[in-house]
Amino acid sequence: MTSHSDRGSFFRSAKFTDWPTVKEALIAREIGAAFILAPMAMQLKADGVPIKIVYLGHRDGTAIVVGSDSHIRDFADLRGKTIAIPSRYANQNLLMHKMMRQWNMPADSIELREVPPPEHPSALRSGSIDGYIVGEPFAAQSEVDGYGRVLYHTKDIWPDFISCVLVVHEGLIAEDREIVQELVDGIAKSGKWLDADMAHRMDAAEIAAEHFYFQDPELLKFVLSKPVDRVKYTHLAPLKADFDEIMELAVDIGILDGPIAFEEYVDDSFVRPLESMDWNMDRLPRGGEGP
């Protein structure tokens, strides 16, 4: 949903707490665009849902987290453990399989349990899982609260890791390319602004905590600064090499039924050079409050 002013369009955001609901809302076209899991976007397209990936949400911003008092010190120590993943269609699932191969571990060495992302920290705290891999801010939640410890940041084991992608319904692309361009440009400018200065990140944490995440801003400040490259918001063009690797892994472990060509599910025509963009916040398209 959008409204318009002389400063640009206002995009109304909606917060979802599980992936199936996002998927159904997108299929029903209750929403025109969404940030969803990269392999999920591929599968939806393979299933005939008319969507295209047009941009990334961020890079990295995911961690494997274990208990703060756990004896787990490297990936080999996860053998025989139960690790929560956001979804079988998550890149976090693919990363776990990729790591098991690198450590010469059979695919069933670790029990990977699908758990909604907001429930990962509480599941670790209760002892129902031995660890989890999820995007921020849930990765940092248990760390900030003192009962979790980062085993690996994805930036250190799969550099420039992709978790969520921006998909747009093809109907919206056909009907209003200008609004899609404005959305992509707004995300790109916001990312450039975020990565330009730590003070910008702290300001963003305050805004996001109040209007979008409804969480303690100190948690978001931690995510955006500890370390500063924990999550990155630039270089978000969807690149064929990245997605071919994701697709091949997904096919290999049975998440996708078969190969799907990059051009079938990606439209990179909305990507513009960052250096050509002014990140003045007064001129950025802005999201509205969630439900």
Protein backbone atom coordinates (compact mmCIF):
# COMPACT_ATOMS: atom_id res chain seq x y z
CA MET A 1 0.00 0.00 0.00
CA THR A 2 1.31 3.45 -0.83
CA SER A 3 0.38 7.10 -0.64
CA HIS A 4 2.20 9.93 -2.31
CA SER A 5 3.59 13.36 -1.53
CA ASP A 6 6.01 15.78 -3.07
CA ARG A 7 8.76 14.08 -1.01
CA GLY A 8 8.08 10.69 -2.55
CA SER A 9 5.84 7.73 -1.84
CA PHE A 10 5.04 6.35 1.58
CA PHE A 11 5.09 2.56 1.71
CA ARG A 12 2.96 0.85 4.33
CA SER A 13 4.72 -2.09 5.94
CA ALA A 14 3.23 -5.13 7.65
CA LYS A 15 5.02 -7.32 10.17
CA PHE A 16 4.75 -11.10 9.90
CA THR A 17 6.07 -13.61 12.44
CA ASP A 18 6.18 -16.72 10.27
CA TRP A 19 7.08 -17.53 6.66
CA PRO A 20 3.94 -19.43 5.58
CA THR A 21 1.78 -16.36 6.29
CA VAL A 22 4.08 -14.15 4.22
CA LYS A 23 3.92 -16.66 1.40
CA GLU A 24 0.11 -16.79 1.41
CA ALA A 25 -0.23 -13.00 1.59
CA LEU A 26 2.06 -12.67 -1.41
CA ILE A 27 0.22 -15.31 -3.42
CA ALA A 28 -3.14 -13.66 -2.62
CA ARG A 29 -1.60 -10.30 -3.54
CA GLU A 30 -2.58 -8.86 -0.20
CA ILE A 31 0.91 -7.38 -0.39
CA GLY A 32 2.74 -6.24 -3.50
CA ALA A 33 6.25 -6.91 -2.28
CA ALA A 34 7.93 -8.77 0.54
CA PHE A 35 11.25 -9.73 2.02
CA ILE A 36 11.34 -13.52 1.94
CA LEU A 37 13.88 -16.31 2.04
CA ALA A 38 15.96 -16.69 -1.11
CA PRO A 39 15.28 -20.43 -1.73
CA MET A 40 11.61 -19.84 -0.90
CA ALA A 41 11.46 -17.24 -3.67
CA MET A 42 12.92 -19.76 -6.11
CA GLN A 43 10.41 -22.43 -5.06
CA LEU A 44 7.46 -20.05 -5.33
CA LYS A 45 8.53 -19.12 -8.84
CA ALA A 46 8.96 -22.80 -9.74
CA ASP A 47 5.42 -23.38 -8.42
CA GLY A 48 4.08 -20.74 -10.79
CA VAL A 49 3.71 -17.80 -8.40
CA PRO A 50 4.34 -14.64 -10.48
CA ILE A 51 7.11 -12.96 -8.52
CA LYS A 52 10.58 -11.66 -9.25
CA ILE A 53 13.54 -10.97 -6.97
CA VAL A 54 14.52 -7.34 -7.56
CA TYR A 55 16.95 -6.63 -4.71
CA LEU A 56 18.43 -8.01 -1.49
CA GLY A 57 17.44 -7.07 2.02
CA HIS A 58 21.00 -7.06 3.40
CA ARG A 59 24.13 -9.19 3.44
CA ASP A 60 25.30 -11.29 6.38
CA GLY A 61 23.29 -10.51 9.52
CA THR A 62 22.98 -14.16 10.55
CA ALA A 63 24.81 -16.18 13.21
CA ILE A 64 25.02 -19.67 14.62
CA VAL A 65 24.32 -19.28 18.33
CA VAL A 66 24.87 -21.78 21.16
CA GLY A 67 24.47 -21.57 24.92
CA SER A 68 26.89 -19.28 26.71
CA ASP A 69 28.00 -22.17 28.97
CA SER A 70 28.00 -24.74 26.17
CA HIS A 71 31.06 -26.89 25.48
CA ILE A 72 30.47 -26.38 21.75
CA ARG A 73 33.56 -24.62 20.37
CA ASP A 74 33.59 -25.42 16.66
CA PHE A 75 31.29 -26.86 14.02
CA ALA A 76 32.36 -30.45 14.70
CA ASP A 77 30.95 -30.12 18.21
CA LEU A 78 27.46 -29.75 16.69
CA ARG A 79 27.46 -33.42 15.73
CA GLY A 80 24.47 -35.11 17.37
CA LYS A 81 23.00 -31.76 18.48
CA THR A 82 19.65 -30.15 17.69
CA ILE A 83 19.90 -26.83 15.87
CA ALA A 84 16.91 -24.63 15.04
CA ILE A 85 16.60 -23.21 11.52
CA PRO A 86 14.01 -20.66 10.32
CA SER A 87 12.68 -22.90 7.54
CA ARG A 88 13.79 -25.67 5.25
CA TYR A 89 13.59 -23.00 2.53
CA ALA A 90 16.04 -20.74 4.37
CA ASN A 91 19.60 -20.13 3.28
CA GLN A 92 20.47 -20.87 6.90
CA ASN A 93 19.43 -24.47 6.19
CA LEU A 94 21.64 -24.55 3.10
CA LEU A 95 24.54 -23.10 5.07
CA MET A 96 24.28 -25.87 7.68
CA HIS A 97 24.45 -28.51 4.95
CA LYS A 98 27.32 -26.68 3.26
CA MET A 99 29.23 -26.61 6.55
CA MET A 100 28.56 -30.29 7.23
CA ARG A 101 30.15 -31.10 3.89
CA GLN A 102 33.15 -28.90 4.63
CA TRP A 103 33.62 -30.71 7.95
CA ASN A 104 33.14 -34.14 6.32
CA MET A 105 29.97 -34.81 8.31
CA PRO A 106 27.01 -36.81 6.92
CA ALA A 107 23.85 -34.80 6.21
CA ASP A 108 22.09 -36.37 9.19
CA SER A 109 24.86 -35.52 11.66
CA ILE A 110 22.86 -32.62 13.06
CA GLU A 111 19.12 -32.52 13.72
CA LEU A 112 17.85 -29.39 11.98
CA ARG A 113 14.52 -28.36 13.47
CA GLU A 114 12.24 -25.76 11.86
CA VAL A 115 11.33 -23.11 14.44
CA PRO A 116 9.79 -19.66 13.79
CA PRO A 117 12.61 -17.09 14.11
CA PRO A 118 11.17 -15.19 17.12
CA GLU A 119 11.10 -18.45 19.09
CA HIS A 120 14.78 -19.33 18.59
CA PRO A 121 16.14 -17.49 21.65
CA SER A 122 13.51 -18.86 24.05
CA ALA A 123 14.02 -22.38 22.72
CA LEU A 124 17.74 -22.10 23.46
CA ARG A 125 17.05 -20.71 26.91
CA SER A 126 14.65 -23.55 27.73
CA GLY A 127 17.15 -26.17 26.59
CA SER A 128 14.84 -27.66 23.95
CA ILE A 129 17.57 -27.00 21.34
CA ASP A 130 21.35 -26.90 21.54
CA GLY A 131 21.72 -23.90 19.26
CA TYR A 132 20.16 -22.00 16.42
CA ILE A 133 20.96 -20.23 13.18
CA VAL A 134 18.79 -17.24 12.34
CA GLY A 135 18.87 -13.67 11.14
CA GLU A 136 19.06 -10.60 13.33
CA PRO A 137 17.93 -9.39 15.76
CA PHE A 138 17.05 -12.88 17.03
CA ALA A 139 20.63 -14.08 16.67
CA ALA A 140 21.79 -11.35 19.06
CA GLN A 141 18.88 -11.64 21.49
CA SER A 142 20.30 -14.46 23.59
CA GLU A 143 23.78 -12.93 23.41
CA VAL A 144 22.52 -9.61 24.80
CA ASP A 145 20.48 -11.41 27.48
CA GLY A 146 23.53 -13.37 28.57
CA TYR A 147 22.55 -16.98 27.87
CA GLY A 148 23.79 -17.27 24.28
CA ARG A 149 27.14 -17.08 22.51
CA VAL A 150 27.90 -16.66 18.81
CA LEU A 151 29.72 -19.70 17.46
CA TYR A 152 30.05 -18.26 13.96
CA HIS A 153 28.92 -15.13 12.19
CA THR A 154 27.98 -15.99 8.61
CA LYS A 155 30.30 -13.23 7.42
CA ASP A 156 33.15 -15.47 8.57
CA ILE A 157 31.98 -18.78 7.08
CA TRP A 158 29.98 -17.71 4.00
CA PRO A 159 31.05 -14.13 3.21
CA ASP A 160 28.33 -11.82 1.86
CA PHE A 161 25.71 -14.32 2.99
CA ILE A 162 22.23 -13.74 1.57
CA SER A 163 19.22 -14.39 3.77
CA CYS A 164 16.21 -12.37 2.66
CA VAL A 165 15.48 -11.02 -0.79
CA LEU A 166 13.00 -8.42 -1.95
CA VAL A 167 10.39 -10.00 -4.20
CA VAL A 168 7.76 -8.07 -6.10
CA HIS A 169 4.60 -9.44 -7.65
CA GLU A 170 4.95 -9.41 -11.43
CA GLY A 171 1.54 -7.78 -11.64
CA LEU A 172 2.87 -4.74 -9.82
CA ILE A 173 5.94 -4.62 -12.06
CA ALA A 174 3.68 -4.64 -15.13
CA GLU A 175 1.26 -2.08 -13.74
CA ASP A 176 3.59 0.40 -12.07
CA ARG A 177 7.31 0.10 -12.75
CA GLU A 178 7.84 3.58 -11.29
CA ILE A 179 6.65 2.59 -7.83
CA VAL A 180 8.84 -0.54 -7.89
CA GLN A 181 11.81 1.59 -8.91
CA GLU A 182 11.07 4.02 -6.10
CA LEU A 183 10.90 1.16 -3.60
CA VAL A 184 14.22 -0.32 -4.73
CA ASP A 185 15.87 3.11 -4.81
CA GLY A 186 14.60 3.84 -1.32
CA ILE A 187 16.08 0.63 0.05
CA ALA A 188 19.36 1.27 -1.75
CA LYS A 189 19.60 4.85 -0.46
CA SER A 190 18.73 3.75 3.07
CA GLY A 191 21.44 1.10 2.93
CA LYS A 192 24.00 3.60 1.68
CA TRP A 193 23.04 5.96 4.50
CA LEU A 194 23.27 3.17 7.09
CA ASP A 195 26.70 1.98 6.02
CA ALA A 196 28.11 5.49 5.76
CA ASP A 197 28.30 6.35 9.46
CA MET A 198 27.85 4.63 12.85
CA ALA A 199 25.72 7.54 14.05
CA HIS A 200 23.28 6.78 11.25
CA ARG A 201 23.05 3.19 12.44
CA MET A 202 22.25 4.30 15.98
CA ASP A 203 19.55 6.66 14.69
CA ALA A 204 18.12 3.85 12.58
CA ALA A 205 18.00 1.52 15.58
CA GLU A 206 15.84 4.01 17.46
CA ILE A 207 13.45 4.43 14.52
CA ALA A 208 13.21 0.73 13.71
CA ALA A 209 12.69 -0.25 17.34
CA GLU A 210 9.74 2.10 17.72
CA HIS A 211 8.02 1.74 14.36
CA PHE A 212 8.92 -1.68 12.97
CA TYR A 213 10.50 -4.22 15.34
CA PHE A 214 8.78 -3.02 18.54
CA GLN A 215 11.86 -4.10 20.50
CA ASP A 216 14.41 -2.56 22.80
CA PRO A 217 16.47 -0.13 20.70
CA GLU A 218 19.58 -1.22 22.63
CA LEU A 219 19.25 -4.68 21.06
CA LEU A 220 19.17 -3.17 17.57
CA LYS A 221 22.09 -0.89 18.39
CA PHE A 222 24.03 -3.98 19.46
CA VAL A 223 23.18 -5.73 16.18
CA LEU A 224 24.31 -2.73 14.14
CA SER A 225 27.61 -2.26 15.95
CA LYS A 226 28.91 -5.48 17.57
CA PRO A 227 30.78 -5.84 15.25
CA VAL A 228 29.99 -3.13 12.73
CA ASP A 229 30.13 -5.59 9.82
CA ARG A 230 27.74 -8.01 11.53
CA VAL A 231 25.17 -6.95 8.95
CA LYS A 232 25.75 -4.91 5.79
CA TYR A 233 23.28 -2.86 3.77
CA THR A 234 25.19 -2.07 0.59
CA HIS A 235 26.11 -4.16 -2.48
CA LEU A 236 22.60 -5.54 -2.57
CA ALA A 237 22.26 -6.22 -6.29
CA PRO A 238 21.12 -9.81 -6.94
CA LEU A 239 24.12 -11.42 -8.64
CA LYS A 240 23.87 -14.51 -10.81
CA ALA A 241 26.92 -16.22 -9.27
CA ASP A 242 25.45 -15.91 -5.77
CA PHE A 243 22.08 -17.26 -6.76
CA ASP A 244 23.45 -20.06 -8.91
CA GLU A 245 25.34 -21.31 -5.85
CA ILE A 246 22.19 -21.12 -3.72
CA MET A 247 20.10 -22.83 -6.38
CA GLU A 248 22.59 -25.65 -6.89
CA LEU A 249 22.83 -26.31 -3.16
CA ALA A 250 19.04 -26.27 -2.83
CA VAL A 251 18.65 -28.77 -5.66
CA ASP A 252 21.41 -30.97 -4.30
CA ILE A 253 19.82 -31.36 -0.85
CA GLY A 254 16.27 -31.69 -2.22
CA ILE A 255 14.86 -28.29 -1.29
CA LEU A 256 14.17 -27.53 -4.96
CA ASP A 257 12.86 -30.18 -7.33
CA GLY A 258 15.18 -29.10 -10.13
CA PRO A 259 17.29 -26.26 -11.52
CA ILE A 260 15.70 -22.92 -12.25
CA ALA A 261 17.37 -20.31 -14.44
CA PHE A 262 18.42 -17.03 -12.82
CA GLU A 263 16.48 -15.04 -15.41
CA GLU A 264 13.24 -16.82 -14.50
CA TYR A 265 13.09 -15.52 -10.94
CA VAL A 266 15.28 -12.37 -10.97
CA ASP A 267 14.65 -8.97 -12.54
CA ASP A 268 17.75 -6.85 -11.94
CA SER A 269 16.62 -3.99 -14.17
CA PHE A 270 15.75 -1.86 -11.12
CA VAL A 271 19.33 -1.88 -9.75
CA ARG A 272 21.13 1.45 -10.15
CA PRO A 273 24.70 2.46 -9.18
CA LEU A 274 24.90 3.53 -5.54
CA GLU A 275 27.30 6.35 -6.36
CA SER A 276 24.56 8.01 -8.37
CA MET A 277 22.24 8.16 -5.37
CA ASP A 278 21.85 10.87 -2.76
CA TRP A 279 21.16 9.34 0.65
CA ASN A 280 19.65 12.48 2.19
CA MET A 281 17.08 11.02 4.59
CA ASP A 282 14.65 13.88 4.00
CA ARG A 283 14.25 12.62 0.43
CA LEU A 284 14.00 8.88 1.09
CA PRO A 285 10.74 7.02 0.54
CA ARG A 286 9.62 6.00 4.00
CA GLY A 287 7.72 3.05 5.39
CA GLY A 288 4.66 3.42 7.55
CA GLU A 289 4.08 1.74 10.87
CA GLY A 290 3.33 -1.96 10.93
CA PRO A 291 0.03 -3.43 12.16
